[in-house]
Amino acid sequence: MNQIKNNLLNNLISNPLAKDFYLRNSIEVARDLIGKYFIKKYKLKFLLGKIVETEAYSGENDQASHSFIGKTNRNKSMFEEGGVLYVYFTYGVHYCANVVTGVKNSGEAVLIRAVEPIAGVDFISMNRYNKINLNKKEFANLSNGPAKFCQGFRIDKKDDGTSLLGERIYISSAELSEKPEILSSKRIGISKSKDLLWRFFIKDNKFVSHTKNQK
């Protein structure tokens, strides 16, 4: 399992991204989130994962975006100013988490599709499988999808609208290694605006959720 030393962990958890990072359009933010570290404080510990896959959703001319139909009770967090979480429930069983971007009422967000677990792995494993000792297949499937990520990090509807500028859930500006090689492709599982290359992911990372149609 991928573990990091305490001094590196302290560097990550003490350097949250600034507000300005989120006030840009969703495509720029989606690409720049790759390689950043998502952090949630959980039971006095830190759950931490490297973001390895994202998808951008625009509020303008993007029929696949939840905001395309306008503001509703479900998607209202998408219309906040960039720097909050938009969490939605899907298929009656799963939660998905998005980083809201842009100016207020722009309706833009970035779906976090997959993360590589870095710290708090035992807690993430318990949240996903109700056990700590995972086999190879279970570990590979720990957070390689948007619903798996939310389950492992205990993100649900109560986190909808949470500021990413606080101390409980945020994204670190610190980096542990060189910039990864980032690829793009069409987004996954949508039927509208499906030709846009707004999915970004780290090349050859085993926690990326999907590898077809890569470019």
C-alpha atoms as a PDB file:
ATOM      1  CA  MET A   1       0.000   0.000   0.000  1.00  0.00           C
ATOM      2  CA  ASN A   2       1.129   3.497  -0.799  1.00  0.00           C
ATOM      3  CA  GLN A   3       2.048   5.225   2.466  1.00  0.00           C
ATOM      4  CA  ILE A   4       3.841   8.520   3.021  1.00  0.00           C
ATOM      5  CA  LYS A   5       6.017   9.759   5.845  1.00  0.00           C
ATOM      6  CA  ASN A   6       4.643  12.058   8.531  1.00  0.00           C
ATOM      7  CA  ASN A   7       6.546  15.141   7.394  1.00  0.00           C
ATOM      8  CA  LEU A   8       5.201  14.772   3.860  1.00  0.00           C
ATOM      9  CA  LEU A   9       1.697  14.201   5.202  1.00  0.00           C
ATOM     10  CA  ASN A  10       1.980  17.336   7.329  1.00  0.00           C
ATOM     11  CA  ASN A  11       3.035  19.288   4.248  1.00  0.00           C
ATOM     12  CA  LEU A  12      -0.043  18.101   2.373  1.00  0.00           C
ATOM     13  CA  ILE A  13      -2.604  18.720   5.083  1.00  0.00           C
ATOM     14  CA  SER A  14      -1.335  22.211   5.879  1.00  0.00           C
ATOM     15  CA  ASN A  15      -1.500  23.626   2.336  1.00  0.00           C
ATOM     16  CA  PRO A  16      -5.108  23.871   1.102  1.00  0.00           C
ATOM     17  CA  LEU A  17      -5.807  25.307  -2.331  1.00  0.00           C
ATOM     18  CA  ALA A  18      -6.758  28.988  -2.388  1.00  0.00           C
ATOM     19  CA  LYS A  19     -10.151  30.264  -3.496  1.00  0.00           C
ATOM     20  CA  ASP A  20      -8.812  31.596  -6.814  1.00  0.00           C
ATOM     21  CA  PHE A  21      -8.001  28.069  -7.978  1.00  0.00           C
ATOM     22  CA  TYR A  22     -11.712  27.241  -8.101  1.00  0.00           C
ATOM     23  CA  LEU A  23     -12.935  30.447  -9.744  1.00  0.00           C
ATOM     24  CA  ARG A  24     -11.819  29.357 -13.212  1.00  0.00           C
ATOM     25  CA  ASN A  25     -13.776  27.364 -15.778  1.00  0.00           C
ATOM     26  CA  SER A  26     -14.401  23.681 -15.156  1.00  0.00           C
ATOM     27  CA  ILE A  27     -12.142  22.414 -17.956  1.00  0.00           C
ATOM     28  CA  GLU A  28      -9.064  24.196 -16.600  1.00  0.00           C
ATOM     29  CA  VAL A  29      -9.813  23.103 -13.037  1.00  0.00           C
ATOM     30  CA  ALA A  30     -10.511  19.495 -14.066  1.00  0.00           C
ATOM     31  CA  ARG A  31      -7.085  19.212 -15.666  1.00  0.00           C
ATOM     32  CA  ASP A  32      -5.286  21.027 -12.837  1.00  0.00           C
ATOM     33  CA  LEU A  33      -6.898  18.843 -10.169  1.00  0.00           C
ATOM     34  CA  ILE A  34      -5.089  15.809 -11.561  1.00  0.00           C
ATOM     35  CA  GLY A  35      -2.235  14.990  -9.180  1.00  0.00           C
ATOM     36  CA  LYS A  36      -3.668  17.127  -6.382  1.00  0.00           C
ATOM     37  CA  TYR A  37      -4.584  15.548  -3.027  1.00  0.00           C
ATOM     38  CA  PHE A  38      -8.148  15.290  -1.712  1.00  0.00           C
ATOM     39  CA  ILE A  39      -8.285  15.362   2.091  1.00  0.00           C
ATOM     40  CA  LYS A  40     -11.069  14.611   4.560  1.00  0.00           C
ATOM     41  CA  LYS A  41     -10.706  14.726   8.314  1.00  0.00           C
ATOM     42  CA  TYR A  42     -12.368  11.588   9.640  1.00  0.00           C
ATOM     43  CA  LYS A  43     -12.436  10.335  13.244  1.00  0.00           C
ATOM     44  CA  LEU A  44      -9.383  12.476  14.180  1.00  0.00           C
ATOM     45  CA  LYS A  45      -7.484  10.984  11.232  1.00  0.00           C
ATOM     46  CA  PHE A  46      -6.940  12.192   7.681  1.00  0.00           C
ATOM     47  CA  LEU A  47      -8.223  10.269   4.683  1.00  0.00           C
ATOM     48  CA  LEU A  48      -6.083  11.312   1.755  1.00  0.00           C
ATOM     49  CA  GLY A  49      -6.049  10.370  -1.892  1.00  0.00           C
ATOM     50  CA  LYS A  50      -4.332  11.608  -5.029  1.00  0.00           C
ATOM     51  CA  ILE A  51      -6.845  12.673  -7.663  1.00  0.00           C
ATOM     52  CA  VAL A  52      -6.107  10.583 -10.758  1.00  0.00           C
ATOM     53  CA  GLU A  53      -9.250  11.078 -12.862  1.00  0.00           C
ATOM     54  CA  THR A  54     -11.751  13.906 -13.339  1.00  0.00           C
ATOM     55  CA  GLU A  55     -14.503  15.045 -15.688  1.00  0.00           C
ATOM     56  CA  ALA A  56     -15.480  18.638 -16.427  1.00  0.00           C
ATOM     57  CA  TYR A  57     -19.118  19.722 -16.704  1.00  0.00           C
ATOM     58  CA  SER A  58     -19.950  23.167 -18.014  1.00  0.00           C
ATOM     59  CA  GLY A  59     -23.098  25.162 -17.364  1.00  0.00           C
ATOM     60  CA  GLU A  60     -23.206  26.433 -20.942  1.00  0.00           C
ATOM     61  CA  ASN A  61     -24.009  24.278 -23.999  1.00  0.00           C
ATOM     62  CA  ASP A  62     -23.210  21.073 -22.082  1.00  0.00           C
ATOM     63  CA  GLN A  63     -26.305  18.912 -22.227  1.00  0.00           C
ATOM     64  CA  ALA A  64     -24.679  16.282 -20.010  1.00  0.00           C
ATOM     65  CA  SER A  65     -24.317  18.739 -17.129  1.00  0.00           C
ATOM     66  CA  HIS A  66     -26.831  18.676 -14.296  1.00  0.00           C
ATOM     67  CA  SER A  67     -26.990  22.459 -14.514  1.00  0.00           C
ATOM     68  CA  PHE A  68     -28.134  22.464 -18.162  1.00  0.00           C
ATOM     69  CA  ILE A  69     -31.807  22.300 -17.077  1.00  0.00           C
ATOM     70  CA  GLY A  70     -31.391  25.202 -14.645  1.00  0.00           C
ATOM     71  CA  LYS A  71     -31.316  25.362 -10.871  1.00  0.00           C
ATOM     72  CA  THR A  72     -33.219  22.699  -8.897  1.00  0.00           C
ATOM     73  CA  ASN A  73     -33.197  21.509  -5.290  1.00  0.00           C
ATOM     74  CA  ARG A  74     -30.883  18.687  -6.351  1.00  0.00           C
ATOM     75  CA  ASN A  75     -28.272  20.733  -8.204  1.00  0.00           C
ATOM     76  CA  LYS A  76     -28.414  24.102  -6.430  1.00  0.00           C
ATOM     77  CA  SER A  77     -24.892  23.696  -5.001  1.00  0.00           C
ATOM     78  CA  MET A  78     -23.588  23.668  -8.588  1.00  0.00           C
ATOM     79  CA  PHE A  79     -24.666  27.296  -8.899  1.00  0.00           C
ATOM     80  CA  GLU A  80     -22.621  28.464  -5.915  1.00  0.00           C
ATOM     81  CA  GLU A  81     -19.326  30.272  -6.362  1.00  0.00           C
ATOM     82  CA  GLY A  82     -16.427  27.910  -7.024  1.00  0.00           C
ATOM     83  CA  GLY A  83     -14.865  26.202  -4.011  1.00  0.00           C
ATOM     84  CA  VAL A  84     -17.664  24.038  -2.605  1.00  0.00           C
ATOM     85  CA  LEU A  85     -18.679  20.388  -3.000  1.00  0.00           C
ATOM     86  CA  TYR A  86     -21.677  19.353  -5.054  1.00  0.00           C
ATOM     87  CA  VAL A  87     -22.752  15.867  -3.961  1.00  0.00           C
ATOM     88  CA  TYR A  88     -25.609  14.041  -5.625  1.00  0.00           C
ATOM     89  CA  PHE A  89     -27.342  10.686  -5.225  1.00  0.00           C
ATOM     90  CA  THR A  90     -27.602   8.450  -8.280  1.00  0.00           C
ATOM     91  CA  TYR A  91     -29.252   5.144  -9.202  1.00  0.00           C
ATOM     92  CA  GLY A  92     -30.834   5.072  -5.746  1.00  0.00           C
ATOM     93  CA  VAL A  93     -27.652   3.697  -4.153  1.00  0.00           C
ATOM     94  CA  HIS A  94     -24.543   5.805  -4.896  1.00  0.00           C
ATOM     95  CA  TYR A  95     -23.163   9.253  -4.151  1.00  0.00           C
ATOM     96  CA  CYS A  96     -20.869  11.209  -6.465  1.00  0.00           C
ATOM     97  CA  ALA A  97     -18.786  14.244  -5.491  1.00  0.00           C
ATOM     98  CA  ASN A  98     -17.995  17.268  -7.622  1.00  0.00           C
ATOM     99  CA  VAL A  99     -15.839  20.350  -7.153  1.00  0.00           C
ATOM    100  CA  VAL A 100     -17.860  23.459  -8.029  1.00  0.00           C
ATOM    101  CA  THR A 101     -15.946  25.928 -10.206  1.00  0.00           C
ATOM    102  CA  GLY A 102     -16.352  29.355 -11.764  1.00  0.00           C
ATOM    103  CA  VAL A 103     -18.328  32.377 -10.660  1.00  0.00           C
ATOM    104  CA  LYS A 104     -21.651  32.188  -8.843  1.00  0.00           C
ATOM    105  CA  ASN A 105     -24.531  30.950 -11.010  1.00  0.00           C
ATOM    106  CA  SER A 106     -22.243  29.653 -13.768  1.00  0.00           C
ATOM    107  CA  GLY A 107     -23.316  26.069 -12.963  1.00  0.00           C
ATOM    108  CA  GLU A 108     -19.918  24.472 -13.556  1.00  0.00           C
ATOM    109  CA  ALA A 109     -18.369  21.562 -11.695  1.00  0.00           C
ATOM    110  CA  VAL A 110     -15.732  18.840 -11.905  1.00  0.00           C
ATOM    111  CA  LEU A 111     -16.621  15.245 -11.089  1.00  0.00           C
ATOM    112  CA  ILE A 112     -13.952  13.420  -9.091  1.00  0.00           C
ATOM    113  CA  ARG A 113     -13.972  10.068 -10.853  1.00  0.00           C
ATOM    114  CA  ALA A 114     -11.103   8.321  -9.092  1.00  0.00           C
ATOM    115  CA  VAL A 115      -8.361   8.769  -6.502  1.00  0.00           C
ATOM    116  CA  GLU A 116      -5.306   6.791  -5.481  1.00  0.00           C
ATOM    117  CA  PRO A 117      -5.499   6.091  -1.712  1.00  0.00           C
ATOM    118  CA  ILE A 118      -2.489   7.509   0.113  1.00  0.00           C
ATOM    119  CA  ALA A 119      -3.231   7.846   3.845  1.00  0.00           C
ATOM    120  CA  GLY A 120      -5.979   6.537   6.115  1.00  0.00           C
ATOM    121  CA  VAL A 121      -6.130   3.451   3.922  1.00  0.00           C
ATOM    122  CA  ASP A 122      -7.366   1.238   6.774  1.00  0.00           C
ATOM    123  CA  PHE A 123     -10.370   3.534   7.308  1.00  0.00           C
ATOM    124  CA  ILE A 124     -11.059   3.701   3.573  1.00  0.00           C
ATOM    125  CA  SER A 125     -10.891  -0.108   3.424  1.00  0.00           C
ATOM    126  CA  MET A 126     -13.310  -0.456   6.332  1.00  0.00           C
ATOM    127  CA  ASN A 127     -15.718   1.989   4.711  1.00  0.00           C
ATOM    128  CA  ARG A 128     -15.621   0.047   1.448  1.00  0.00           C
ATOM    129  CA  TYR A 129     -15.274  -3.583   2.520  1.00  0.00           C
ATOM    130  CA  ASN A 130     -15.756  -3.619   6.293  1.00  0.00           C
ATOM    131  CA  LYS A 131     -12.275  -5.112   6.679  1.00  0.00           C
ATOM    132  CA  ILE A 132      -8.652  -3.941   6.629  1.00  0.00           C
ATOM    133  CA  ASN A 133      -6.718  -6.771   5.006  1.00  0.00           C
ATOM    134  CA  LEU A 134      -7.594  -6.584   1.335  1.00  0.00           C
ATOM    135  CA  ASN A 135      -6.570  -8.850  -1.469  1.00  0.00           C
ATOM    136  CA  LYS A 136      -4.970  -7.446  -4.608  1.00  0.00           C
ATOM    137  CA  LYS A 137      -8.242  -7.104  -6.509  1.00  0.00           C
ATOM    138  CA  GLU A 138     -10.036  -5.409  -3.618  1.00  0.00           C
ATOM    139  CA  PHE A 139      -7.245  -2.883  -3.155  1.00  0.00           C
ATOM    140  CA  ALA A 140      -7.216  -2.079  -6.876  1.00  0.00           C
ATOM    141  CA  ASN A 141     -10.959  -1.393  -6.656  1.00  0.00           C
ATOM    142  CA  LEU A 142     -10.772   0.664  -3.473  1.00  0.00           C
ATOM    143  CA  SER A 143     -11.421   4.089  -5.021  1.00  0.00           C
ATOM    144  CA  ASN A 144     -11.236   3.670  -8.802  1.00  0.00           C
ATOM    145  CA  GLY A 145     -14.650   5.150  -9.531  1.00  0.00           C
ATOM    146  CA  PRO A 146     -16.791   8.095  -8.362  1.00  0.00           C
ATOM    147  CA  ALA A 147     -19.137   6.040  -6.179  1.00  0.00           C
ATOM    148  CA  LYS A 148     -16.284   3.960  -4.726  1.00  0.00           C
ATOM    149  CA  PHE A 149     -14.412   7.148  -3.869  1.00  0.00           C
ATOM    150  CA  CYS A 150     -17.426   8.570  -2.038  1.00  0.00           C
ATOM    151  CA  GLN A 151     -18.044   5.342  -0.139  1.00  0.00           C
ATOM    152  CA  GLY A 152     -14.408   5.024   0.907  1.00  0.00           C
ATOM    153  CA  PHE A 153     -14.171   8.646   2.019  1.00  0.00           C
ATOM    154  CA  ARG A 154     -17.655   8.641   3.619  1.00  0.00           C
ATOM    155  CA  ILE A 155     -18.974  11.437   1.420  1.00  0.00           C
ATOM    156  CA  ASP A 156     -22.737  11.684   1.140  1.00  0.00           C
ATOM    157  CA  LYS A 157     -25.571  14.198   0.822  1.00  0.00           C
ATOM    158  CA  LYS A 158     -24.760  15.881   4.140  1.00  0.00           C
ATOM    159  CA  ASP A 159     -21.499  17.035   2.526  1.00  0.00           C
ATOM    160  CA  ASP A 160     -23.328  18.761  -0.323  1.00  0.00           C
ATOM    161  CA  GLY A 161     -22.440  22.469  -0.303  1.00  0.00           C
ATOM    162  CA  THR A 162     -19.444  22.013   2.016  1.00  0.00           C
ATOM    163  CA  SER A 163     -16.768  24.667   1.546  1.00  0.00           C
ATOM    164  CA  LEU A 164     -13.437  23.347   0.322  1.00  0.00           C
ATOM    165  CA  LEU A 165     -11.769  26.231   2.125  1.00  0.00           C
ATOM    166  CA  GLY A 166     -12.496  24.797   5.582  1.00  0.00           C
ATOM    167  CA  GLU A 167     -10.646  22.293   7.741  1.00  0.00           C
ATOM    168  CA  ARG A 168     -12.816  19.180   7.303  1.00  0.00           C
ATOM    169  CA  ILE A 169     -12.778  18.603   3.540  1.00  0.00           C
ATOM    170  CA  TYR A 170     -10.328  20.296   1.177  1.00  0.00           C
ATOM    171  CA  ILE A 171      -7.763  19.797  -1.575  1.00  0.00           C
ATOM    172  CA  SER A 172      -4.063  20.374  -0.982  1.00  0.00           C
ATOM    173  CA  SER A 173      -1.924  22.661  -3.129  1.00  0.00           C
ATOM    174  CA  ALA A 174       1.234  20.726  -2.183  1.00  0.00           C
ATOM    175  CA  GLU A 175       2.733  18.191  -4.563  1.00  0.00           C
ATOM    176  CA  LEU A 176       4.790  15.121  -3.691  1.00  0.00           C
ATOM    177  CA  SER A 177       6.258  14.311  -7.063  1.00  0.00           C
ATOM    178  CA  GLU A 178       6.806  15.529 -10.589  1.00  0.00           C
ATOM    179  CA  LYS A 179       3.823  16.473 -12.703  1.00  0.00           C
ATOM    180  CA  PRO A 180       2.140  13.318 -14.044  1.00  0.00           C
ATOM    181  CA  GLU A 181       1.474  12.696 -17.714  1.00  0.00           C
ATOM    182  CA  ILE A 182      -2.161  13.637 -18.224  1.00  0.00           C
ATOM    183  CA  LEU A 183      -4.335  12.210 -20.982  1.00  0.00           C
ATOM    184  CA  SER A 184      -7.856  13.150 -22.033  1.00  0.00           C
ATOM    185  CA  SER A 185     -10.844  11.344 -23.514  1.00  0.00           C
ATOM    186  CA  LYS A 186     -14.587  11.519 -23.925  1.00  0.00           C
ATOM    187  CA  ARG A 187     -16.557  11.438 -20.681  1.00  0.00           C
ATOM    188  CA  ILE A 188     -17.996   8.144 -19.471  1.00  0.00           C
ATOM    189  CA  GLY A 189     -21.600   7.004 -19.182  1.00  0.00           C
ATOM    190  CA  ILE A 190     -23.344   9.962 -20.803  1.00  0.00           C
ATOM    191  CA  SER A 191     -25.609  10.144 -23.858  1.00  0.00           C
ATOM    192  CA  LYS A 192     -25.489  13.892 -24.585  1.00  0.00           C
ATOM    193  CA  SER A 193     -22.562  16.190 -25.420  1.00  0.00           C
ATOM    194  CA  LYS A 194     -20.564  12.973 -25.500  1.00  0.00           C
ATOM    195  CA  ASP A 195     -17.881  14.007 -27.998  1.00  0.00           C
ATOM    196  CA  LEU A 196     -16.248  16.573 -25.703  1.00  0.00           C
ATOM    197  CA  LEU A 197     -12.798  15.509 -24.500  1.00  0.00           C
ATOM    198  CA  TRP A 198     -13.392  16.687 -20.953  1.00  0.00           C
ATOM    199  CA  ARG A 199     -12.237  13.629 -19.030  1.00  0.00           C
ATOM    200  CA  PHE A 200      -8.679  13.840 -17.678  1.00  0.00           C
ATOM    201  CA  PHE A 201      -6.592  11.102 -16.091  1.00  0.00           C
ATOM    202  CA  ILE A 202      -3.057  10.036 -15.240  1.00  0.00           C
ATOM    203  CA  LYS A 203      -1.517   7.755 -17.825  1.00  0.00           C
ATOM    204  CA  ASP A 204      -1.041   4.152 -16.627  1.00  0.00           C
ATOM    205  CA  ASN A 205      -2.327   4.841 -13.108  1.00  0.00           C
ATOM    206  CA  LYS A 206      -4.005   1.653 -11.876  1.00  0.00           C
ATOM    207  CA  PHE A 207      -6.713   3.574 -10.001  1.00  0.00           C
ATOM    208  CA  VAL A 208      -8.119   5.199 -13.131  1.00  0.00           C
ATOM    209  CA  SER A 209     -11.640   3.874 -13.539  1.00  0.00           C
ATOM    210  CA  HIS A 210     -11.720   3.315 -17.275  1.00  0.00           C
ATOM    211  CA  THR A 211      -9.110   2.958 -19.995  1.00  0.00           C
ATOM    212  CA  LYS A 212     -11.028   2.745 -23.270  1.00  0.00           C
ATOM    213  CA  ASN A 213     -11.164   5.564 -25.832  1.00  0.00           C
ATOM    214  CA  GLN A 214      -8.042   7.202 -24.474  1.00  0.00           C
ATOM    215  CA  LYS A 215      -6.338   9.991 -26.355  1.00  0.00           C
END
